[in-house]
């Protein structure tokens, strides 16, 4: 089972969080993109842009932060953090 935990933070406090599960046999990349799409739907956000620093951080730690730089429209929180908490 693949599980991705997503949270939005404002002033070091969690505003929203959710956990997305995916039991499909797709690749890790497809699961991450689908889970992020579901997170954005649940939190009513536009899809963030994967900058080079975001990709590098995600590759190293299976965790990434999306700040205002990653979004086209304005956001009402400091950052969105995603983290893989379980993989097949």
PDB file of N, CA and C in Angstrom:
ATOM      1  N   UNK A   1       0.844  -1.190   0.000  1.00  0.00           N
ATOM      2  CA  UNK A   1       0.000   0.000   0.000  1.00  0.00           C
ATOM      3  C   UNK A   1       0.885   1.248   0.000  1.00  0.00           C
ATOM      4  N   UNK A   2       0.521   2.185  -0.798  1.00  0.00           N
ATOM      5  CA  UNK A   2       1.209   3.479  -0.882  1.00  0.00           C
ATOM      6  C   UNK A   2       0.370   4.507  -0.131  1.00  0.00           C
ATOM      7  N   UNK A   3       1.017   5.252   0.761  1.00  0.00           N
ATOM      8  CA  UNK A   3       0.298   6.291   1.513  1.00  0.00           C
ATOM      9  C   UNK A   3       1.100   7.586   1.495  1.00  0.00           C
ATOM     10  N   UNK A   4       0.414   8.684   1.189  1.00  0.00           N
ATOM     11  CA  UNK A   4       1.032  10.000   1.162  1.00  0.00           C
ATOM     12  C   UNK A   4       0.273  10.897   2.136  1.00  0.00           C
ATOM     13  N   UNK A   5       1.017  11.563   3.005  1.00  0.00           N
ATOM     14  CA  UNK A   5       0.440  12.461   4.003  1.00  0.00           C
ATOM     15  C   UNK A   5       0.688  13.886   3.541  1.00  0.00           C
ATOM     16  N   UNK A   6      -0.347  14.698   3.526  1.00  0.00           N
ATOM     17  CA  UNK A   6      -0.225  16.087   3.104  1.00  0.00           C
ATOM     18  C   UNK A   6      -0.765  17.000   4.195  1.00  0.00           C
ATOM     19  N   UNK A   7      -0.059  18.136   4.402  1.00  0.00           N
ATOM     20  CA  UNK A   7      -0.461  19.092   5.435  1.00  0.00           C
ATOM     21  C   UNK A   7      -0.208  20.500   4.938  1.00  0.00           C
ATOM     22  N   UNK A   8      -1.064  21.427   5.362  1.00  0.00           N
ATOM     23  CA  UNK A   8      -0.787  22.843   5.132  1.00  0.00           C
ATOM     24  C   UNK A   8      -0.433  23.463   6.475  1.00  0.00           C
ATOM     25  N   UNK A   9       0.542  24.383   6.449  1.00  0.00           N
ATOM     26  CA  UNK A   9       1.039  25.018   7.669  1.00  0.00           C
ATOM     27  C   UNK A   9       0.926  26.532   7.566  1.00  0.00           C
ATOM     28  N   UNK A  10       0.586  27.147   8.677  1.00  0.00           N
ATOM     29  CA  UNK A  10       0.605  28.604   8.813  1.00  0.00           C
ATOM     30  C   UNK A  10       1.167  28.915  10.190  1.00  0.00           C
ATOM     31  N   UNK A  11       2.253  29.677  10.249  1.00  0.00           N
ATOM     32  CA  UNK A  11       2.916  30.015  11.515  1.00  0.00           C
ATOM     33  C   UNK A  11       3.232  28.766  12.345  1.00  0.00           C
ATOM     34  N   UNK A  12       3.757  27.727  11.687  1.00  0.00           N
ATOM     35  CA  UNK A  12       4.156  26.458  12.312  1.00  0.00           C
ATOM     36  C   UNK A  12       3.003  25.694  12.958  1.00  0.00           C
ATOM     37  N   UNK A  13       1.780  25.933  12.508  1.00  0.00           N
ATOM     38  CA  UNK A  13       0.610  25.188  12.972  1.00  0.00           C
ATOM     39  C   UNK A  13      -0.035  24.506  11.765  1.00  0.00           C
ATOM     40  N   UNK A  14      -0.473  23.273  11.963  1.00  0.00           N
ATOM     41  CA  UNK A  14      -1.143  22.540  10.891  1.00  0.00           C
ATOM     42  C   UNK A  14      -2.560  23.085  10.738  1.00  0.00           C
ATOM     43  N   UNK A  15      -2.899  23.506   9.522  1.00  0.00           N
ATOM     44  CA  UNK A  15      -4.247  23.979   9.234  1.00  0.00           C
ATOM     45  C   UNK A  15      -5.129  22.844   8.732  1.00  0.00           C
ATOM     46  N   UNK A  16      -4.599  22.055   7.807  1.00  0.00           N
ATOM     47  CA  UNK A  16      -5.327  20.931   7.218  1.00  0.00           C
ATOM     48  C   UNK A  16      -4.359  19.774   7.045  1.00  0.00           C
ATOM     49  N   UNK A  17      -4.896  18.577   7.120  1.00  0.00           N
ATOM     50  CA  UNK A  17      -4.073  17.414   6.761  1.00  0.00           C
ATOM     51  C   UNK A  17      -4.969  16.322   6.222  1.00  0.00           C
ATOM     52  N   UNK A  18      -4.364  15.471   5.426  1.00  0.00           N
ATOM     53  CA  UNK A  18      -5.080  14.345   4.847  1.00  0.00           C
ATOM     54  C   UNK A  18      -4.069  13.263   4.501  1.00  0.00           C
ATOM     55  N   UNK A  19      -4.550  12.053   4.393  1.00  0.00           N
ATOM     56  CA  UNK A  19      -3.713  10.928   3.991  1.00  0.00           C
ATOM     57  C   UNK A  19      -4.374  10.269   2.786  1.00  0.00           C
ATOM     58  N   UNK A  20      -3.614  10.111   1.718  1.00  0.00           N
ATOM     59  CA  UNK A  20      -4.112   9.512   0.484  1.00  0.00           C
ATOM     60  C   UNK A  20      -3.496   8.122   0.344  1.00  0.00           C
ATOM     61  N   UNK A  21      -4.346   7.134   0.112  1.00  0.00           N
ATOM     62  CA  UNK A  21      -3.879   5.759  -0.071  1.00  0.00           C
ATOM     63  C   UNK A  21      -4.071   5.343  -1.525  1.00  0.00           C
ATOM     64  N   UNK A  22      -3.135   4.539  -2.014  1.00  0.00           N
ATOM     65  CA  UNK A  22      -3.196   4.053  -3.396  1.00  0.00           C
ATOM     66  C   UNK A  22      -2.685   2.617  -3.416  1.00  0.00           C
ATOM     67  N   UNK A  23      -3.544   1.707  -3.772  1.00  0.00           N
ATOM     68  CA  UNK A  23      -3.171   0.292  -3.818  1.00  0.00           C
ATOM     69  C   UNK A  23      -2.916  -0.206  -5.227  1.00  0.00           C
ATOM     70  N   UNK A  24      -2.843   0.707  -6.198  1.00  0.00           N
ATOM     71  CA  UNK A  24      -2.654   0.294  -7.589  1.00  0.00           C
ATOM     72  C   UNK A  24      -1.223  -0.197  -7.825  1.00  0.00           C
ATOM     73  N   UNK A  25      -1.017  -0.758  -8.993  1.00  0.00           N
ATOM     74  CA  UNK A  25       0.311  -1.274  -9.346  1.00  0.00           C
ATOM     75  C   UNK A  25       1.082  -0.297 -10.227  1.00  0.00           C
ATOM     76  N   UNK A  26       0.672   0.973 -10.235  1.00  0.00           N
ATOM     77  CA  UNK A  26       1.365   2.005 -11.008  1.00  0.00           C
ATOM     78  C   UNK A  26       2.750   2.284 -10.444  1.00  0.00           C
ATOM     79  N   UNK A  27       3.508   3.098 -11.163  1.00  0.00           N
ATOM     80  CA  UNK A  27       4.829   3.494 -10.694  1.00  0.00           C
ATOM     81  C   UNK A  27       4.701   4.474  -9.534  1.00  0.00           C
ATOM     82  N   UNK A  28       5.783   4.638  -8.806  1.00  0.00           N
ATOM     83  CA  UNK A  28       5.802   5.560  -7.665  1.00  0.00           C
ATOM     84  C   UNK A  28       5.472   6.982  -8.125  1.00  0.00           C
ATOM     85  N   UNK A  29       6.020   7.394  -9.254  1.00  0.00           N
ATOM     86  CA  UNK A  29       5.794   8.734  -9.779  1.00  0.00           C
ATOM     87  C   UNK A  29       4.323   8.974 -10.076  1.00  0.00           C
ATOM     88  N   UNK A  30       3.674   8.019 -10.728  1.00  0.00           N
ATOM     89  CA  UNK A  30       2.250   8.157 -11.021  1.00  0.00           C
ATOM     90  C   UNK A  30       1.426   8.230  -9.733  1.00  0.00           C
ATOM     91  N   UNK A  31       1.793   7.433  -8.758  1.00  0.00           N
ATOM     92  CA  UNK A  31       1.069   7.461  -7.482  1.00  0.00           C
ATOM     93  C   UNK A  31       1.219   8.811  -6.788  1.00  0.00           C
ATOM     94  N   UNK A  32       2.424   9.365  -6.821  1.00  0.00           N
ATOM     95  CA  UNK A  32       2.664  10.665  -6.186  1.00  0.00           C
ATOM     96  C   UNK A  32       1.849  11.747  -6.876  1.00  0.00           C
ATOM     97  N   UNK A  33       1.882  11.781  -8.196  1.00  0.00           N
ATOM     98  CA  UNK A  33       1.138  12.815  -8.942  1.00  0.00           C
ATOM     99  C   UNK A  33      -0.370  12.681  -8.729  1.00  0.00           C
ATOM    100  N   UNK A  34      -0.875  11.448  -8.729  1.00  0.00           N
ATOM    101  CA  UNK A  34      -2.314  11.240  -8.488  1.00  0.00           C
ATOM    102  C   UNK A  34      -2.695  11.661  -7.074  1.00  0.00           C
ATOM    103  N   UNK A  35      -1.852  11.303  -6.097  1.00  0.00           N
ATOM    104  CA  UNK A  35      -2.129  11.661  -4.702  1.00  0.00           C
ATOM    105  C   UNK A  35      -2.096  13.180  -4.531  1.00  0.00           C
ATOM    106  N   UNK A  36      -1.126  13.851  -5.148  1.00  0.00           N
ATOM    107  CA  UNK A  36      -1.043  15.309  -5.052  1.00  0.00           C
ATOM    108  C   UNK A  36      -2.261  15.964  -5.703  1.00  0.00           C
ATOM    109  N   UNK A  37      -2.718  15.400  -6.788  1.00  0.00           N
ATOM    110  CA  UNK A  37      -3.927  15.910  -7.440  1.00  0.00           C
ATOM    111  C   UNK A  37      -5.137  15.779  -6.512  1.00  0.00           C
ATOM    112  N   UNK A  38      -5.246  14.662  -5.827  1.00  0.00           N
ATOM    113  CA  UNK A  38      -6.348  14.447  -4.875  1.00  0.00           C
ATOM    114  C   UNK A  38      -6.242  15.409  -3.691  1.00  0.00           C
ATOM    115  N   UNK A  39      -5.033  15.646  -3.200  1.00  0.00           N
ATOM    116  CA  UNK A  39      -4.812  16.595  -2.105  1.00  0.00           C
ATOM    117  C   UNK A  39      -5.276  17.983  -2.525  1.00  0.00           C
ATOM    118  N   UNK A  40      -4.876  18.402  -3.710  1.00  0.00           N
ATOM    119  CA  UNK A  40      -5.268  19.730  -4.199  1.00  0.00           C
ATOM    120  C   UNK A  40      -6.780  19.833  -4.350  1.00  0.00           C
ATOM    121  N   UNK A  41      -7.422  18.752  -4.765  1.00  0.00           N
ATOM    122  CA  UNK A  41      -8.883  18.748  -4.871  1.00  0.00           C
ATOM    123  C   UNK A  41      -9.518  18.888  -3.491  1.00  0.00           C
ATOM    124  N   UNK A  42      -9.032  18.101  -2.512  1.00  0.00           N
ATOM    125  CA  UNK A  42      -9.592  18.148  -1.161  1.00  0.00           C
ATOM    126  C   UNK A  42      -9.373  19.499  -0.490  1.00  0.00           C
ATOM    127  N   UNK A  43      -8.201  20.104  -0.708  1.00  0.00           N
ATOM    128  CA  UNK A  43      -7.872  21.378  -0.075  1.00  0.00           C
ATOM    129  C   UNK A  43      -8.300  22.582  -0.919  1.00  0.00           C
ATOM    130  N   UNK A  44      -8.906  22.335  -2.089  1.00  0.00           N
ATOM    131  CA  UNK A  44      -9.350  23.380  -3.008  1.00  0.00           C
ATOM    132  C   UNK A  44      -8.187  24.294  -3.408  1.00  0.00           C
ATOM    133  N   UNK A  45      -7.127  23.671  -3.909  1.00  0.00           N
ATOM    134  CA  UNK A  45      -5.919  24.386  -4.335  1.00  0.00           C
ATOM    135  C   UNK A  45      -5.652  24.151  -5.808  1.00  0.00           C
ATOM    136  N   UNK A  46      -4.930  25.078  -6.419  1.00  0.00           N
ATOM    137  CA  UNK A  46      -4.401  24.833  -7.753  1.00  0.00           C
ATOM    138  C   UNK A  46      -3.211  23.895  -7.630  1.00  0.00           C
ATOM    139  N   UNK A  47      -2.887  23.206  -8.707  1.00  0.00           N
ATOM    140  CA  UNK A  47      -1.750  22.282  -8.661  1.00  0.00           C
ATOM    141  C   UNK A  47      -0.449  23.062  -8.555  1.00  0.00           C
ATOM    142  N   UNK A  48       0.433  22.653  -7.646  1.00  0.00           N
ATOM    143  CA  UNK A  48       1.721  23.341  -7.526  1.00  0.00           C
ATOM    144  C   UNK A  48       2.674  22.931  -8.643  1.00  0.00           C
ATOM    145  N   UNK A  49       3.639  23.789  -8.882  1.00  0.00           N
ATOM    146  CA  UNK A  49       4.669  23.530  -9.884  1.00  0.00           C
ATOM    147  C   UNK A  49       5.861  22.878  -9.184  1.00  0.00           C
ATOM    148  N   UNK A  50       6.389  21.814  -9.783  1.00  0.00           N
ATOM    149  CA  UNK A  50       7.555  21.132  -9.228  1.00  0.00           C
ATOM    150  C   UNK A  50       8.812  21.862  -9.674  1.00  0.00           C
ATOM    151  N   UNK A  51       9.371  22.683  -8.816  1.00  0.00           N
ATOM    152  CA  UNK A  51      10.629  23.356  -9.111  1.00  0.00           C
ATOM    153  C   UNK A  51      11.788  22.386  -8.894  1.00  0.00           C
ATOM    154  N   UNK A  52      12.960  22.709  -9.435  1.00  0.00           N
ATOM    155  CA  UNK A  52      14.125  21.828  -9.304  1.00  0.00           C
ATOM    156  C   UNK A  52      14.460  21.540  -7.849  1.00  0.00           C
ATOM    157  N   UNK A  53      14.391  22.557  -6.992  1.00  0.00           N
ATOM    158  CA  UNK A  53      14.700  22.347  -5.573  1.00  0.00           C
ATOM    159  C   UNK A  53      13.678  21.429  -4.905  1.00  0.00           C
ATOM    160  N   UNK A  54      12.425  21.520  -5.342  1.00  0.00           N
ATOM    161  CA  UNK A  54      11.377  20.660  -4.787  1.00  0.00           C
ATOM    162  C   UNK A  54      11.616  19.209  -5.178  1.00  0.00           C
ATOM    163  N   UNK A  55      11.962  18.991  -6.432  1.00  0.00           N
ATOM    164  CA  UNK A  55      12.236  17.638  -6.925  1.00  0.00           C
ATOM    165  C   UNK A  55      13.432  17.043  -6.194  1.00  0.00           C
ATOM    166  N   UNK A  56      14.500  17.822  -6.033  1.00  0.00           N
ATOM    167  CA  UNK A  56      15.701  17.334  -5.350  1.00  0.00           C
ATOM    168  C   UNK A  56      15.396  16.964  -3.899  1.00  0.00           C
ATOM    169  N   UNK A  57      14.639  17.807  -3.219  1.00  0.00           N
ATOM    170  CA  UNK A  57      14.259  17.530  -1.828  1.00  0.00           C
ATOM    171  C   UNK A  57      13.422  16.258  -1.740  1.00  0.00           C
ATOM    172  N   UNK A  58      12.488  16.095  -2.686  1.00  0.00           N
ATOM    173  CA  UNK A  58      11.623  14.915  -2.669  1.00  0.00           C
ATOM    174  C   UNK A  58      12.417  13.639  -2.937  1.00  0.00           C
ATOM    175  N   UNK A  59      13.372  13.702  -3.842  1.00  0.00           N
ATOM    176  CA  UNK A  59      14.205  12.529  -4.141  1.00  0.00           C
ATOM    177  C   UNK A  59      15.041  12.118  -2.930  1.00  0.00           C
ATOM    178  N   UNK A  60      15.557  13.107  -2.202  1.00  0.00           N
ATOM    179  CA  UNK A  60      16.404  12.807  -1.044  1.00  0.00           C
ATOM    180  C   UNK A  60      15.629  12.301   0.161  1.00  0.00           C
ATOM    181  N   UNK A  61      14.482  12.906   0.435  1.00  0.00           N
ATOM    182  CA  UNK A  61      13.801  12.637   1.714  1.00  0.00           C
ATOM    183  C   UNK A  61      12.394  12.064   1.587  1.00  0.00           C
ATOM    184  N   UNK A  62      11.898  11.847   0.380  1.00  0.00           N
ATOM    185  CA  UNK A  62      10.503  11.444   0.152  1.00  0.00           C
ATOM    186  C   UNK A  62       9.543  12.425   0.822  1.00  0.00           C
ATOM    187  N   UNK A  63       9.942  13.688   0.808  1.00  0.00           N
ATOM    188  CA  UNK A  63       9.182  14.746   1.456  1.00  0.00           C
ATOM    189  C   UNK A  63       9.445  16.035   0.686  1.00  0.00           C
ATOM    190  N   UNK A  64       8.422  16.851   0.482  1.00  0.00           N
ATOM    191  CA  UNK A  64       8.601  18.097  -0.255  1.00  0.00           C
ATOM    192  C   UNK A  64       7.704  19.182   0.310  1.00  0.00           C
ATOM    193  N   UNK A  65       8.191  20.418   0.236  1.00  0.00           N
ATOM    194  CA  UNK A  65       7.413  21.587   0.650  1.00  0.00           C
ATOM    195  C   UNK A  65       7.134  22.450  -0.567  1.00  0.00           C
ATOM    196  N   UNK A  66       5.884  22.821  -0.713  1.00  0.00           N
ATOM    197  CA  UNK A  66       5.469  23.711  -1.782  1.00  0.00           C
ATOM    198  C   UNK A  66       5.096  25.054  -1.154  1.00  0.00           C
ATOM    199  N   UNK A  67       5.880  26.090  -1.443  1.00  0.00           N
ATOM    200  CA  UNK A  67       5.642  27.428  -0.910  1.00  0.00           C
ATOM    201  C   UNK A  67       4.928  28.269  -1.965  1.00  0.00           C
ATOM    202  N   UNK A  68       4.762  29.545  -1.688  1.00  0.00           N
ATOM    203  CA  UNK A  68       4.110  30.438  -2.641  1.00  0.00           C
ATOM    204  C   UNK A  68       4.803  30.411  -4.000  1.00  0.00           C
ATOM    205  N   UNK A  69       6.114  30.189  -4.027  1.00  0.00           N
ATOM    206  CA  UNK A  69       6.859  30.122  -5.293  1.00  0.00           C
ATOM    207  C   UNK A  69       6.365  29.003  -6.207  1.00  0.00           C
ATOM    208  N   UNK A  70       5.783  27.962  -5.629  1.00  0.00           N
ATOM    209  CA  UNK A  70       5.328  26.810  -6.399  1.00  0.00           C
ATOM    210  C   UNK A  70       3.909  26.974  -6.942  1.00  0.00           C
ATOM    211  N   UNK A  71       3.189  27.979  -6.478  1.00  0.00           N
ATOM    212  CA  UNK A  71       1.800  28.172  -6.886  1.00  0.00           C
ATOM    213  C   UNK A  71       1.662  29.422  -7.750  1.00  0.00           C
ATOM    214  N   UNK A  72       0.789  29.360  -8.727  1.00  0.00           N
ATOM    215  CA  UNK A  72       0.537  30.516  -9.585  1.00  0.00           C
ATOM    216  C   UNK A  72      -0.346  31.523  -8.854  1.00  0.00           C
ATOM    217  N   UNK A  73      -1.428  31.039  -8.238  1.00  0.00           N
ATOM    218  CA  UNK A  73      -2.313  31.928  -7.495  1.00  0.00           C
ATOM    219  C   UNK A  73      -1.833  32.065  -6.052  1.00  0.00           C
ATOM    220  N   UNK A  74      -2.368  33.041  -5.341  1.00  0.00           N
ATOM    221  CA  UNK A  74      -1.992  33.248  -3.944  1.00  0.00           C
ATOM    222  C   UNK A  74      -2.505  32.137  -3.046  1.00  0.00           C
ATOM    223  N   UNK A  75      -1.778  31.860  -1.991  1.00  0.00           N
ATOM    224  CA  UNK A  75      -2.196  30.840  -1.021  1.00  0.00           C
ATOM    225  C   UNK A  75      -2.365  31.490   0.348  1.00  0.00           C
ATOM    226  N   UNK A  76      -3.202  30.903   1.180  1.00  0.00           N
ATOM    227  CA  UNK A  76      -3.502  31.466   2.498  1.00  0.00           C
ATOM    228  C   UNK A  76      -2.761  30.745   3.615  1.00  0.00           C
ATOM    229  N   UNK A  77      -1.693  30.060   3.282  1.00  0.00           N
ATOM    230  CA  UNK A  77      -0.877  29.342   4.253  1.00  0.00           C
ATOM    231  C   UNK A  77       0.581  29.549   3.886  1.00  0.00           C
ATOM    232  N   UNK A  78       1.483  29.123   4.760  1.00  0.00           N
ATOM    233  CA  UNK A  78       2.911  29.309   4.491  1.00  0.00           C
ATOM    234  C   UNK A  78       3.445  28.282   3.492  1.00  0.00           C
ATOM    235  N   UNK A  79       3.047  27.023   3.676  1.00  0.00           N
ATOM    236  CA  UNK A  79       3.491  25.986   2.736  1.00  0.00           C
ATOM    237  C   UNK A  79       2.625  24.737   2.839  1.00  0.00           C
ATOM    238  N   UNK A  80       2.641  23.954   1.766  1.00  0.00           N
ATOM    239  CA  UNK A  80       2.015  22.641   1.699  1.00  0.00           C
ATOM    240  C   UNK A  80       3.145  21.637   1.735  1.00  0.00           C
ATOM    241  N   UNK A  81       3.063  20.675   2.646  1.00  0.00           N
ATOM    242  CA  UNK A  81       4.109  19.659   2.758  1.00  0.00           C
ATOM    243  C   UNK A  81       3.498  18.301   2.444  1.00  0.00           C
ATOM    244  N   UNK A  82       4.178  17.543   1.589  1.00  0.00           N
ATOM    245  CA  UNK A  82       3.762  16.169   1.314  1.00  0.00           C
ATOM    246  C   UNK A  82       4.886  15.238   1.741  1.00  0.00           C
ATOM    247  N   UNK A  83       4.498  14.058   2.215  1.00  0.00           N
ATOM    248  CA  UNK A  83       5.479  13.087   2.671  1.00  0.00           C
ATOM    249  C   UNK A  83       4.931  11.677   2.420  1.00  0.00           C
ATOM    250  N   UNK A  84       5.781  10.823   1.850  1.00  0.00           N
ATOM    251  CA  UNK A  84       5.400   9.428   1.678  1.00  0.00           C
ATOM    252  C   UNK A  84       5.634   8.721   3.011  1.00  0.00           C
ATOM    253  N   UNK A  85       4.593   8.146   3.552  1.00  0.00           N
ATOM    254  CA  UNK A  85       4.722   7.476   4.846  1.00  0.00           C
ATOM    255  C   UNK A  85       4.705   5.962   4.738  1.00  0.00           C
ATOM    256  N   UNK A  86       4.308   5.444   3.563  1.00  0.00           N
ATOM    257  CA  UNK A  86       4.341   3.992   3.376  1.00  0.00           C
ATOM    258  C   UNK A  86       4.435   3.698   1.885  1.00  0.00           C
ATOM    259  N   UNK A  87       5.298   2.762   1.546  1.00  0.00           N
ATOM    260  CA  UNK A  87       5.421   2.317   0.169  1.00  0.00           C
ATOM    261  C   UNK A  87       5.372   0.796   0.119  1.00  0.00           C
ATOM    262  N   UNK A  88       4.959   0.297  -1.044  1.00  0.00           N
ATOM    263  CA  UNK A  88       4.894  -1.167  -1.240  1.00  0.00           C
ATOM    264  C   UNK A  88       6.261  -1.770  -1.106  1.00  0.00           C
TER     265      UNK A  88
END
